[in-house]
C-alpha cells in the first residue's frame, strides 16, 4: 500500500483552523477548504511511485482490479476529501449521468472551452456525493414543503416577499417550487438586492429558525441565493451522521468539518451564493422540484465492526471502523481499490502508522491489515 501526500485546496469559504487542527499542524492564516485523496487530474495524491493518477494509468487492472475496470473503466471512480467549511459554499445541484453526458457533448459540439467561466459541464460524468460529519456540521439539503416556506417568509413581515408566499400557497408542490425559484433567480437585480437586504435584517432580528439565513446573508449580501436557500431544509449533523446528495437535489454546506466522497466529476450547476456563472435555464432543467425529508444517514454496523453508510451509488462505498484499544488486527483486504483515512487516534495500516488526516491507497487484492486505537474511514467501490 502507498502512503498518500495530499493537496489542500485554499478555497475562500474554507476554515482557517479545522484541517490544521485535525492534522496537528499550525494554521497559516489562509483558508484550507478541502484535502483531496485520489487520482483526480486537478490534484492527484502523490505516492512514492509517482502521482496516484500515474500509478493507476501504468497498470489499471493491477491497481484497481478487473471487476472495477470492467465496470468503471481504467480510472479510480471516486474522490475522497476532508471538507472544512468556514463559510457557506455555493448553492448547487449536480446532473444525473444522462444529463451530464448530454450537456458535455453539447458544449463540446459548440466549442465552449473547458476553462470558460460559463461552461457548465467539465466532464461527462455524474457527481453523487456523501458527506459524513466529523464535527457538528450545518447544511442545506432538498426542498422543504412549500407551505412551510410560505410560513417562514410570511413570518418575516417583508412586503416584497408576499408574491412568493402567494405562489407557494396557490400551486401544486412542484409548480410552486419551480415558479418561486425561477422568479427569485430572474428578478431585477436591484429589486432583489433590496428584498434580500430587508429579509436579512428581519432574519437577524428574529433569530431562531431564521439565524442560518442571517448568517448566509452576512457572507453573501444582496445575493438572490439567500432566498433560494430559504426554500431548502436546514440540517445539522452530529459527528458520525451523514447526508447523501443525489442528482438534482439542491444543497449547500454551511459550516463544519467532514469526510466527503463523490464520483470523480467536476459538474456543478449553481443556484446562488456565488459570484460565479448561474445558468438559470440549464439549472431549471436539472433541479428536481420535490419536497421531502433530507434523510440523515447513520452507519449500519456489520459483525466484523465495519460501519457502512449505505447509498445507491456504485462509484463509491464509504464506511468506518471505530477501533477500541486491544481489538487486535482487522483484515480489510478487498478485490477493489481502497483509500484508508485516519480521523482520530493512531492506526497502523500495513507498515504505515496513520495519525489524524493521514491516508493510504491500497491496490486491489493487496493485503490490508489494520490495528491500533482510533477511527478509520474506508473508501472503495461497489462492483
Protein backbone atom coordinates (compact mmCIF):
# COMPACT_ATOMS: atom_id res chain seq x y z
CA UNK A 1 0.00 0.00 0.00
CA UNK A 2 1.07 3.59 -0.65
CA UNK A 3 1.13 6.45 1.83
CA UNK A 4 -0.61 9.44 0.26
CA UNK A 5 0.66 13.00 0.22
CA UNK A 6 -2.44 15.09 -0.44
CA UNK A 7 -3.12 18.61 -1.70
CA UNK A 8 -5.14 21.07 0.38
CA UNK A 9 -7.25 23.44 -1.72
CA UNK A 10 -7.43 27.05 -0.40
CA UNK A 11 -10.98 27.97 -1.50
CA UNK A 12 -12.22 31.22 0.04
CA UNK A 13 -15.03 29.52 2.01
CA UNK A 14 -12.63 27.19 3.81
CA UNK A 15 -11.97 27.18 7.54
CA UNK A 16 -8.57 28.54 8.55
CA UNK A 17 -8.28 26.13 11.51
CA UNK A 18 -10.27 22.89 11.10
CA UNK A 19 -7.91 20.92 8.83
CA UNK A 20 -4.71 22.14 10.59
CA UNK A 21 -6.24 21.15 13.94
CA UNK A 22 -7.01 17.65 12.66
CA UNK A 23 -3.54 17.29 11.13
CA UNK A 24 -1.80 18.73 14.20
CA UNK A 25 -0.16 21.50 12.16
CA UNK A 26 -0.01 25.25 12.63
CA UNK A 27 -2.67 27.29 10.81
CA UNK A 28 -1.26 29.53 8.09
CA UNK A 29 -3.99 32.13 8.39
CA UNK A 30 -5.23 31.22 4.91
CA UNK A 31 -8.40 29.19 4.30
CA UNK A 32 -7.88 25.43 3.98
CA UNK A 33 -11.10 24.16 2.44
CA UNK A 34 -10.57 20.65 1.05
CA UNK A 35 -7.89 17.98 1.19
CA UNK A 36 -8.17 15.71 -1.86
CA UNK A 37 -7.35 12.00 -1.75
CA UNK A 38 -7.49 10.21 -5.07
CA UNK A 39 -6.43 10.38 -8.70
CA UNK A 40 -8.43 13.40 -9.86
CA UNK A 41 -6.33 15.23 -12.50
CA UNK A 42 -6.90 18.55 -10.73
CA UNK A 43 -4.87 17.50 -7.68
CA UNK A 44 -3.88 13.81 -7.66
CA UNK A 45 -2.41 12.42 -4.46
CA UNK A 46 1.33 11.79 -4.51
CA UNK A 47 2.94 8.45 -3.67
CA UNK A 48 6.45 7.04 -3.66
CA UNK A 49 5.69 5.68 -7.14
CA UNK A 50 4.52 8.99 -8.65
CA UNK A 51 1.09 10.60 -8.53
CA UNK A 52 -1.78 8.22 -7.90
CA UNK A 53 -3.09 9.06 -11.38
CA UNK A 54 0.24 7.93 -12.87
CA UNK A 55 0.23 4.78 -10.73
CA UNK A 56 -3.25 3.82 -11.91
CA UNK A 57 -2.54 4.70 -15.55
CA UNK A 58 0.57 2.46 -15.55
CA UNK A 59 -1.41 -0.70 -14.72
CA UNK A 60 -5.14 -0.12 -14.16
CA UNK A 61 -6.10 -3.76 -13.72
CA UNK A 62 -3.39 -4.40 -11.11
CA UNK A 63 -4.19 -1.27 -9.09
CA UNK A 64 -8.00 -1.25 -9.44
CA UNK A 65 -8.87 -4.90 -10.01
CA UNK A 66 -10.51 -6.47 -13.05
CA UNK A 67 -14.07 -6.00 -11.78
CA UNK A 68 -13.64 -2.26 -11.16
CA UNK A 69 -12.01 -1.70 -14.56
CA UNK A 70 -14.79 -3.66 -16.28
CA UNK A 71 -17.49 -1.58 -14.59
CA UNK A 72 -15.97 1.91 -14.42
CA UNK A 73 -13.08 1.92 -16.87
CA UNK A 74 -9.34 2.31 -16.19
CA UNK A 75 -9.62 5.09 -13.58
CA UNK A 76 -10.29 5.43 -9.87
CA UNK A 77 -14.04 6.14 -9.86
CA UNK A 78 -14.21 8.15 -6.63
CA UNK A 79 -12.60 11.15 -4.95
CA UNK A 80 -12.28 11.27 -1.15
CA UNK A 81 -11.94 14.59 0.68
CA UNK A 82 -11.66 16.24 4.02
CA UNK A 83 -14.01 19.23 3.73
CA UNK A 84 -13.78 22.16 6.16
CA UNK A 85 -16.41 24.87 5.65
CA UNK A 86 -15.86 28.13 7.49
CA UNK A 87 -18.45 29.95 5.34
CA UNK A 88 -21.33 28.76 3.13
CA UNK A 89 -20.47 27.07 -0.15
CA UNK A 90 -22.40 27.97 -3.29
CA UNK A 91 -25.95 26.66 -3.54
CA UNK A 92 -25.74 23.95 -6.20
CA UNK A 93 -27.08 20.83 -7.92
CA UNK A 94 -25.43 18.01 -9.86
CA UNK A 95 -26.74 16.33 -13.03
CA UNK A 96 -27.51 12.65 -13.43
CA UNK A 97 -25.36 10.57 -15.78
CA UNK A 98 -27.53 11.04 -18.89
CA UNK A 99 -27.81 14.81 -18.29
CA UNK A 100 -24.05 15.10 -17.79
CA UNK A 101 -23.29 13.19 -20.99
CA UNK A 102 -25.80 15.25 -22.98
CA UNK A 103 -24.59 18.56 -21.52
CA UNK A 104 -20.92 17.74 -22.04
CA UNK A 105 -21.45 16.63 -25.65
CA UNK A 106 -23.49 19.78 -26.38
CA UNK A 107 -20.82 22.14 -25.00
CA UNK A 108 -18.08 20.23 -26.80
CA UNK A 109 -20.01 20.45 -30.06
CA UNK A 110 -20.48 24.21 -29.57
CA UNK A 111 -16.77 24.65 -28.86
CA UNK A 112 -17.15 26.06 -25.33
CA UNK A 113 -13.63 25.97 -23.80
CA UNK A 114 -13.29 23.69 -20.76
CA UNK A 115 -11.95 26.59 -18.69
CA UNK A 116 -14.60 29.09 -19.82
CA UNK A 117 -16.35 30.68 -16.80
CA UNK A 118 -19.76 30.00 -18.36
CA UNK A 119 -19.07 26.31 -19.03
CA UNK A 120 -21.40 24.00 -17.06
CA UNK A 121 -20.05 20.53 -17.82
CA UNK A 122 -16.36 19.81 -17.25
CA UNK A 123 -16.78 16.10 -17.98
CA UNK A 124 -19.42 13.56 -18.99
CA UNK A 125 -19.91 12.03 -15.53
CA UNK A 126 -22.46 12.45 -12.77
CA UNK A 127 -21.47 13.60 -9.28
CA UNK A 128 -23.43 11.96 -6.49
CA UNK A 129 -21.78 12.66 -3.14
CA UNK A 130 -21.88 11.78 0.54
CA UNK A 131 -20.64 13.89 3.45
CA UNK A 132 -20.08 12.44 6.93
CA UNK A 133 -19.69 14.87 9.82
CA UNK A 134 -16.57 14.82 11.98
CA UNK A 135 -17.83 17.85 13.97
CA UNK A 136 -21.23 19.49 14.23
CA UNK A 137 -21.98 20.18 10.58
CA UNK A 138 -24.60 22.55 9.13
CA UNK A 139 -26.02 22.28 5.64
CA UNK A 140 -28.99 22.78 3.36
CA UNK A 141 -30.43 19.77 1.55
CA UNK A 142 -33.51 19.43 -0.63
CA UNK A 143 -36.72 21.46 -0.69
CA UNK A 144 -38.87 21.82 2.39
CA UNK A 145 -42.67 21.66 1.80
CA UNK A 146 -43.83 24.88 0.08
CA UNK A 147 -46.38 25.65 2.80
CA UNK A 148 -43.60 25.63 5.42
CA UNK A 149 -41.51 28.03 3.36
CA UNK A 150 -44.58 30.26 2.88
CA UNK A 151 -44.97 30.44 6.67
CA UNK A 152 -41.24 31.16 7.04
CA UNK A 153 -41.41 34.03 4.53
CA UNK A 154 -44.68 35.35 6.00
CA UNK A 155 -43.19 35.50 9.48
CA UNK A 156 -40.55 37.98 8.34
CA UNK A 157 -43.02 40.78 7.61
CA UNK A 158 -41.21 41.78 4.40
CA UNK A 159 -43.77 43.13 1.91
CA UNK A 160 -41.77 42.21 -1.21
CA UNK A 161 -41.87 38.53 -0.18
CA UNK A 162 -45.68 38.38 -0.41
CA UNK A 163 -45.78 37.36 -4.12
CA UNK A 164 -43.59 34.36 -3.27
CA UNK A 165 -45.83 33.48 -0.32
CA UNK A 166 -48.88 33.56 -2.61
CA UNK A 167 -47.16 31.36 -5.21
CA UNK A 168 -46.07 28.83 -2.59
CA UNK A 169 -49.62 28.54 -1.25
CA UNK A 170 -51.54 28.61 -4.54
CA UNK A 171 -49.92 25.89 -6.66
CA UNK A 172 -49.15 22.18 -6.61
CA UNK A 173 -45.82 21.47 -4.91
CA UNK A 174 -43.60 21.03 -7.98
CA UNK A 175 -45.07 24.05 -9.79
CA UNK A 176 -44.81 26.24 -6.68
CA UNK A 177 -41.15 25.41 -6.13
CA UNK A 178 -40.29 25.85 -9.81
CA UNK A 179 -42.10 29.19 -10.11
CA UNK A 180 -40.60 30.67 -6.95
CA UNK A 181 -37.03 29.59 -7.71
CA UNK A 182 -37.38 30.90 -11.27
CA UNK A 183 -38.80 34.21 -10.02
CA UNK A 184 -36.01 34.64 -7.46
CA UNK A 185 -33.21 33.94 -9.95
CA UNK A 186 -34.63 36.08 -12.78
CA UNK A 187 -35.80 39.10 -10.77
CA UNK A 188 -34.40 42.57 -11.40
CA UNK A 189 -31.02 42.57 -9.60
CA UNK A 190 -31.58 45.89 -7.82
CA UNK A 191 -35.06 44.93 -6.64
CA UNK A 192 -33.80 41.54 -5.49
CA UNK A 193 -30.88 43.08 -3.63
CA UNK A 194 -33.29 45.32 -1.69
CA UNK A 195 -35.54 42.36 -0.87
CA UNK A 196 -32.60 40.26 0.31
CA UNK A 197 -31.30 43.13 2.44
CA UNK A 198 -34.69 43.57 4.14
CA UNK A 199 -35.04 39.79 4.55
CA UNK A 200 -31.57 39.50 6.09
CA UNK A 201 -32.31 42.29 8.59
CA UNK A 202 -35.54 40.57 9.61
CA UNK A 203 -33.79 37.20 9.95
CA UNK A 204 -31.11 38.79 12.10
CA UNK A 205 -33.71 40.48 14.31
CA UNK A 206 -35.86 37.37 14.79
CA UNK A 207 -33.08 34.78 15.18
CA UNK A 208 -34.11 31.19 16.00
CA UNK A 209 -35.00 29.27 12.83
CA UNK A 210 -34.02 32.36 10.82
CA UNK A 211 -30.46 32.51 12.19
CA UNK A 212 -28.83 30.31 9.48
CA UNK A 213 -30.19 32.60 6.74
CA UNK A 214 -28.98 35.72 8.54
CA UNK A 215 -25.53 34.13 8.63
CA UNK A 216 -25.71 33.24 4.92
CA UNK A 217 -26.73 36.81 4.06
CA UNK A 218 -23.79 38.13 6.09
CA UNK A 219 -21.43 36.26 3.75
CA UNK A 220 -23.43 36.99 0.55
CA UNK A 221 -25.17 40.37 0.97
CA UNK A 222 -27.86 41.01 -1.62
CA UNK A 223 -27.43 37.59 -3.27
CA UNK A 224 -30.70 36.02 -4.54
CA UNK A 225 -29.31 32.71 -3.29
CA UNK A 226 -30.29 33.83 0.22
CA UNK A 227 -33.97 33.49 -0.72
CA UNK A 228 -33.29 30.29 -2.67
CA UNK A 229 -31.62 28.90 0.45
CA UNK A 230 -34.77 29.54 2.46
CA UNK A 231 -36.64 27.11 0.17
CA UNK A 232 -34.42 24.28 1.47
CA UNK A 233 -34.28 22.12 4.58
CA UNK A 234 -31.72 23.25 7.14
CA UNK A 235 -29.86 20.24 8.55
CA UNK A 236 -27.46 19.93 11.47
CA UNK A 237 -25.44 16.72 11.51
CA UNK A 238 -23.89 15.34 14.66
CA UNK A 239 -20.47 13.64 14.37
CA UNK A 240 -20.89 10.31 12.60
CA UNK A 241 -24.10 11.31 10.79
CA UNK A 242 -24.12 11.78 7.02
CA UNK A 243 -26.04 13.25 4.07
CA UNK A 244 -26.32 11.71 0.61
CA UNK A 245 -26.78 14.15 -2.28
CA UNK A 246 -28.17 12.56 -5.42
CA UNK A 247 -28.76 14.14 -8.82
CA UNK A 248 -30.96 17.23 -8.97
CA UNK A 249 -31.04 17.85 -5.21
CA UNK A 250 -30.21 21.49 -4.37
CA UNK A 251 -27.80 21.74 -1.46
CA UNK A 252 -25.08 23.76 0.22
CA UNK A 253 -22.70 23.12 3.10
CA UNK A 254 -22.62 25.96 5.63
CA UNK A 255 -20.17 25.14 8.41
CA UNK A 256 -18.21 22.23 9.85
CA UNK A 257 -15.63 19.53 9.17
CA UNK A 258 -16.49 16.31 7.39
CA UNK A 259 -15.31 13.42 5.24
CA UNK A 260 -16.76 13.73 1.73
CA UNK A 261 -16.77 11.18 -1.05
CA UNK A 262 -18.08 11.59 -4.59
CA UNK A 263 -17.98 10.19 -8.07
CA UNK A 264 -14.96 11.58 -9.91
CA UNK A 265 -16.56 14.62 -11.55
CA UNK A 266 -16.46 18.43 -11.54
CA UNK A 267 -20.01 19.01 -12.81
CA UNK A 268 -21.78 21.70 -10.75
CA UNK A 269 -24.73 23.93 -11.64
CA UNK A 270 -25.00 26.85 -9.24
CA UNK A 271 -28.19 28.40 -7.86
CA UNK A 272 -26.66 31.30 -5.94
CA UNK A 273 -24.36 32.29 -3.05
CA UNK A 274 -21.58 32.76 -5.56
CA UNK A 275 -20.09 35.36 -7.90
CA UNK A 276 -19.70 32.58 -10.49
CA UNK A 277 -21.90 31.88 -13.51
CA UNK A 278 -25.52 30.84 -12.87
CA UNK A 279 -27.15 29.30 -15.96
CA UNK A 280 -30.81 29.56 -14.97
CA UNK A 281 -32.39 27.62 -17.90
CA UNK A 282 -29.96 24.71 -17.53
CA UNK A 283 -30.34 24.77 -13.75
CA UNK A 284 -34.11 24.53 -14.04
CA UNK A 285 -33.71 21.54 -16.37
CA UNK A 286 -31.59 19.70 -13.78
CA UNK A 287 -33.28 20.53 -10.46
CA UNK A 288 -35.76 18.01 -9.05
CA UNK A 289 -38.67 20.08 -7.72
CA UNK A 290 -39.71 17.68 -4.98
CA UNK A 291 -40.04 18.45 -1.28
CA UNK A 292 -39.02 15.89 1.26
CA UNK A 293 -37.02 14.93 4.30
CA UNK A 294 -33.26 15.32 3.70
CA UNK A 295 -32.70 11.80 5.06
CA UNK A 296 -29.88 11.85 7.61
CA UNK A 297 -27.83 8.66 7.30
CA UNK A 298 -26.41 6.75 10.23
CA UNK A 299 -23.97 3.90 9.67
CA UNK A 300 -25.13 0.29 9.66
CA UNK A 301 -22.83 -1.95 11.70
CA UNK A 302 -21.70 -5.37 10.44
CA UNK A 303 -20.41 -8.25 12.62
CA UNK A 304 -16.76 -7.51 11.78
CA UNK A 305 -17.02 -3.94 13.12
CA UNK A 306 -17.38 -2.17 9.78
CA UNK A 307 -19.99 0.63 9.85
CA UNK A 308 -21.34 1.27 6.34
CA UNK A 309 -23.02 4.40 5.01
CA UNK A 310 -25.40 2.81 2.52
CA UNK A 311 -26.14 4.73 -0.70
CA UNK A 312 -27.50 3.78 -4.15
CA UNK A 313 -24.24 4.79 -5.87
CA UNK A 314 -21.77 2.18 -7.18
CA UNK A 315 -18.82 4.52 -7.83
CA UNK A 316 -18.16 4.76 -4.10
CA UNK A 317 -18.79 2.95 -0.84
CA UNK A 318 -17.86 4.71 2.42
CA UNK A 319 -17.55 3.00 5.78
CA UNK A 320 -15.67 3.46 9.02
CA UNK A 321 -14.07 1.39 11.75
CA UNK A 322 -14.03 2.70 15.31
CA UNK A 323 -11.18 0.67 16.82
CA UNK A 324 -11.17 0.48 20.61
CA UNK A 325 -7.98 -0.37 22.47
CA UNK A 326 -6.95 -4.02 22.35
CA UNK A 327 -9.12 -5.15 19.40
CA UNK A 328 -6.25 -6.83 17.57
CA UNK A 329 -5.74 -6.97 13.80
CA UNK A 330 -8.51 -6.41 11.22
CA UNK A 331 -8.03 -7.80 7.72
CA UNK A 332 -9.52 -5.27 5.26
CA UNK A 333 -8.24 -6.93 2.07
CA UNK A 334 -10.59 -6.44 -0.91
CA UNK A 335 -10.64 -7.19 -4.63
CA UNK A 336 -11.31 -3.47 -5.25
CA UNK A 337 -9.14 -0.36 -4.69
CA UNK A 338 -9.27 1.35 -1.29
CA UNK A 339 -8.24 4.58 0.38
CA UNK A 340 -7.96 4.36 4.17
CA UNK A 341 -8.13 7.64 6.11
CA UNK A 342 -7.47 8.03 9.83
CA UNK A 343 -9.52 10.74 11.57
CA UNK A 344 -8.78 10.00 15.25
CA UNK A 345 -6.20 8.14 17.33
CA UNK A 346 -3.35 6.14 15.82
CA UNK A 347 -3.98 3.30 13.38
CA UNK A 348 -1.35 1.05 11.80
CA UNK A 349 -2.12 0.07 8.20
CA UNK A 350 0.46 -2.43 7.00
CA UNK A 351 3.82 -0.77 7.55
CA UNK A 352 2.32 2.73 7.81
CA UNK A 353 1.37 4.48 11.03
CA UNK A 354 -1.61 6.74 10.42
CA UNK A 355 -2.49 9.69 12.60
CA UNK A 356 -5.46 12.01 12.01
CA UNK A 357 -5.61 13.28 8.44
CA UNK A 358 -3.14 10.69 7.10
CA UNK A 359 -4.17 8.19 4.44
CA UNK A 360 -3.00 5.28 2.28
CA UNK A 361 -4.01 3.82 -1.07
CA UNK A 362 -4.47 0.04 -1.10
CA UNK A 363 -4.43 -1.60 -4.56
CA UNK A 364 -6.98 -4.32 -5.32
CA UNK A 365 -6.13 -7.69 -3.70
CA UNK A 366 -3.29 -6.07 -1.69
CA UNK A 367 -3.06 -7.36 1.89
CA UNK A 368 -4.60 -4.72 4.15
CA UNK A 369 -4.25 -5.42 7.86
CA UNK A 370 -5.02 -2.61 10.32
CA UNK A 371 -4.68 -2.33 14.08
CA UNK A 372 -4.48 0.31 16.78
CA UNK A 373 -6.89 2.61 18.56
CA UNK A 374 -8.79 5.22 16.61
CA UNK A 375 -11.22 5.89 13.75
CA UNK A 376 -10.53 4.77 10.20
CA UNK A 377 -12.64 5.60 7.15
CA UNK A 378 -12.55 3.21 4.21
CA UNK A 379 -13.41 4.36 0.68
CA UNK A 380 -13.85 1.82 -2.10
CA UNK A 381 -16.28 0.92 -4.93
CA UNK A 382 -19.26 -1.39 -5.24
CA UNK A 383 -18.91 -3.99 -8.03
